[in-house]
C-alpha atoms as a PDB file:
ATOM      1  CA  MET A   1      -3.243  11.802  -9.902  1.00  0.00           C
ATOM      2  CA  SER A   2      -2.912  11.462  -6.079  1.00  0.00           C
ATOM      3  CA  ARG A   3      -0.549   9.792  -3.843  1.00  0.00           C
ATOM      4  CA  TYR A   4      -1.564   7.085  -1.502  1.00  0.00           C
ATOM      5  CA  LEU A   5       0.021   4.878   1.095  1.00  0.00           C
ATOM      6  CA  LEU A   6      -0.915   1.338   1.260  1.00  0.00           C
ATOM      7  CA  GLU A   7      -0.643  -0.940   4.227  1.00  0.00           C
ATOM      8  CA  SER A   8      -1.582  -4.446   3.369  1.00  0.00           C
ATOM      9  CA  PRO A   9      -1.265  -6.642   6.627  1.00  0.00           C
ATOM     10  CA  HIS A  10      -1.189 -10.360   6.660  1.00  0.00           C
ATOM     11  CA  SER A  11      -0.612 -13.011   8.997  1.00  0.00           C
ATOM     12  CA  LYS A  12       2.462 -15.255   8.997  1.00  0.00           C
ATOM     13  CA  GLU A  13       0.430 -18.116   7.564  1.00  0.00           C
ATOM     14  CA  GLU A  14      -1.003 -15.791   4.672  1.00  0.00           C
ATOM     15  CA  CYS A  15       2.433 -14.594   3.751  1.00  0.00           C
ATOM     16  CA  LEU A  16       3.414 -16.746   0.931  1.00  0.00           C
ATOM     17  CA  LYS A  17      -0.434 -16.499  -0.595  1.00  0.00           C
ATOM     18  CA  ALA A  18       0.040 -12.735  -0.331  1.00  0.00           C
ATOM     19  CA  LEU A  19       3.365 -12.889  -2.100  1.00  0.00           C
ATOM     20  CA  ASP A  20       2.387 -15.448  -4.674  1.00  0.00           C
ATOM     21  CA  GLU A  21      -1.066 -13.180  -5.630  1.00  0.00           C
ATOM     22  CA  ILE A  22       0.884 -10.143  -5.973  1.00  0.00           C
ATOM     23  CA  LEU A  23       3.913 -11.558  -8.055  1.00  0.00           C
ATOM     24  CA  ALA A  24       1.009 -13.055 -10.097  1.00  0.00           C
ATOM     25  CA  GLU A  25      -0.104  -9.549 -11.190  1.00  0.00           C
ATOM     26  CA  GLY A  26       3.574  -8.900 -12.492  1.00  0.00           C
ATOM     27  CA  PRO A  27       7.056  -8.182 -11.218  1.00  0.00           C
ATOM     28  CA  SER A  28       6.208  -4.440 -11.691  1.00  0.00           C
ATOM     29  CA  VAL A  29       3.390  -4.871  -9.201  1.00  0.00           C
ATOM     30  CA  LEU A  30       5.697  -6.760  -6.683  1.00  0.00           C
ATOM     31  CA  ASN A  31       8.217  -4.075  -7.140  1.00  0.00           C
ATOM     32  CA  LYS A  32       5.892  -1.329  -5.887  1.00  0.00           C
ATOM     33  CA  PHE A  33       5.845  -3.030  -2.590  1.00  0.00           C
ATOM     34  CA  ASP A  34       8.297  -2.893   0.479  1.00  0.00           C
ATOM     35  CA  TRP A  35       7.818  -5.826   2.962  1.00  0.00           C
ATOM     36  CA  GLY A  36       8.290  -5.907   6.652  1.00  0.00           C
ATOM     37  CA  CYS A  37       7.837  -9.665   6.659  1.00  0.00           C
ATOM     38  CA  MET A  38      11.585 -10.462   7.244  1.00  0.00           C
ATOM     39  CA  ASP A  39      11.482  -8.308  10.513  1.00  0.00           C
ATOM     40  CA  GLY A  40       8.250 -10.031  11.804  1.00  0.00           C
ATOM     41  CA  ASP A  41       5.832  -7.369  10.567  1.00  0.00           C
ATOM     42  CA  HIS A  42       3.772  -9.236   7.885  1.00  0.00           C
ATOM     43  CA  THR A  43       2.714  -6.036   5.956  1.00  0.00           C
ATOM     44  CA  GLY A  44       3.249  -4.851   2.564  1.00  0.00           C
ATOM     45  CA  TYR A  45       3.732  -1.295   1.955  1.00  0.00           C
ATOM     46  CA  ALA A  46       3.398   0.836  -1.002  1.00  0.00           C
ATOM     47  CA  LEU A  47       3.535   4.431  -2.134  1.00  0.00           C
ATOM     48  CA  ILE A  48       1.127   4.587  -5.095  1.00  0.00           C
ATOM     49  CA  ASP A  49       0.191   7.264  -7.750  1.00  0.00           C
ATOM     50  CA  ALA A  50      -3.254   6.529  -8.730  1.00  0.00           C
ATOM     51  CA  LYS A  51      -6.738   8.219  -9.668  1.00  0.00           C
ATOM     52  CA  GLY A  52      -8.387   6.922  -6.749  1.00  0.00           C
ATOM     53  CA  GLU A  53      -8.613   4.401  -3.890  1.00  0.00           C
ATOM     54  CA  PRO A  54     -10.576   1.968  -6.030  1.00  0.00           C
ATOM     55  CA  GLU A  55      -7.278   1.573  -8.275  1.00  0.00           C
ATOM     56  CA  VAL A  56      -5.044   1.300  -5.219  1.00  0.00           C
ATOM     57  CA  MET A  57      -7.342  -1.401  -3.842  1.00  0.00           C
ATOM     58  CA  ASN A  58      -6.951  -3.420  -6.869  1.00  0.00           C
ATOM     59  CA  LEU A  59      -3.349  -4.026  -6.325  1.00  0.00           C
ATOM     60  CA  ILE A  60      -4.273  -5.982  -3.150  1.00  0.00           C
ATOM     61  CA  PRO A  61      -5.176  -9.557  -3.203  1.00  0.00           C
ATOM     62  CA  GLY A  62      -8.704 -10.243  -2.654  1.00  0.00           C
ATOM     63  CA  PHE A  63      -8.452 -12.282   0.439  1.00  0.00           C
ATOM     64  CA  LEU A  64      -6.595  -9.342   1.913  1.00  0.00           C
ATOM     65  CA  ARG A  65      -8.831  -6.325   0.951  1.00  0.00           C
ATOM     66  CA  ASN A  66     -10.940  -6.144   4.231  1.00  0.00           C
ATOM     67  CA  LYS A  67      -7.524  -5.761   6.325  1.00  0.00           C
ATOM     68  CA  ALA A  68      -5.934  -3.193   4.013  1.00  0.00           C
ATOM     69  CA  ARG A  69      -5.443   0.617   4.759  1.00  0.00           C
ATOM     70  CA  ILE A  70      -5.223   3.148   2.051  1.00  0.00           C
ATOM     71  CA  HIS A  71      -4.198   6.663   3.260  1.00  0.00           C
ATOM     72  CA  LYS A  72      -4.474   9.726   0.778  1.00  0.00           C
ATOM     73  CA  LEU A  73      -1.289  11.867   0.919  1.00  0.00           C
ATOM     74  CA  GLY A  74      -0.475  15.268   0.463  1.00  0.00           C
ATOM     75  CA  LYS A  75       2.059  17.789   1.110  1.00  0.00           C
ATOM     76  CA  PHE A  76       1.864  21.460   2.656  1.00  0.00           C
ATOM     77  CA  THR A  77       3.592  24.656   1.243  1.00  0.00           C
ATOM     78  CA  PRO A  78       5.395  26.781   3.810  1.00  0.00           C
ATOM     79  CA  GLU A  79       2.479  29.269   3.444  1.00  0.00           C
ATOM     80  CA  GLN A  80      -0.014  26.998   4.338  1.00  0.00           C
ATOM     81  CA  VAL A  81       2.020  26.034   7.400  1.00  0.00           C
ATOM     82  CA  ARG A  82       2.018  29.736   8.521  1.00  0.00           C
ATOM     83  CA  SER A  83      -1.418  30.257   7.788  1.00  0.00           C
ATOM     84  CA  PHE A  84      -2.240  27.570  10.316  1.00  0.00           C
ATOM     85  CA  HIS A  85      -0.952  29.870  13.339  1.00  0.00           C
END
């Protein structure tokens, strides 16, 4: 399993449709997201543990997948940071 940051931007006009489609997947999927919509940033953000990007992409409504950004995340150990010098 790897950790991913998912950004799913949508327009103000797409907002309710995006929320409805994610809720249709179940409350547990909706709960994975934090939303900037109430602050004018119409983007859903989620930290997801998954086997790969396709699994993460499946959380996004189909009509928004072409806008989504998925970033694979990782951590550095103190030794790795020291080795970079």
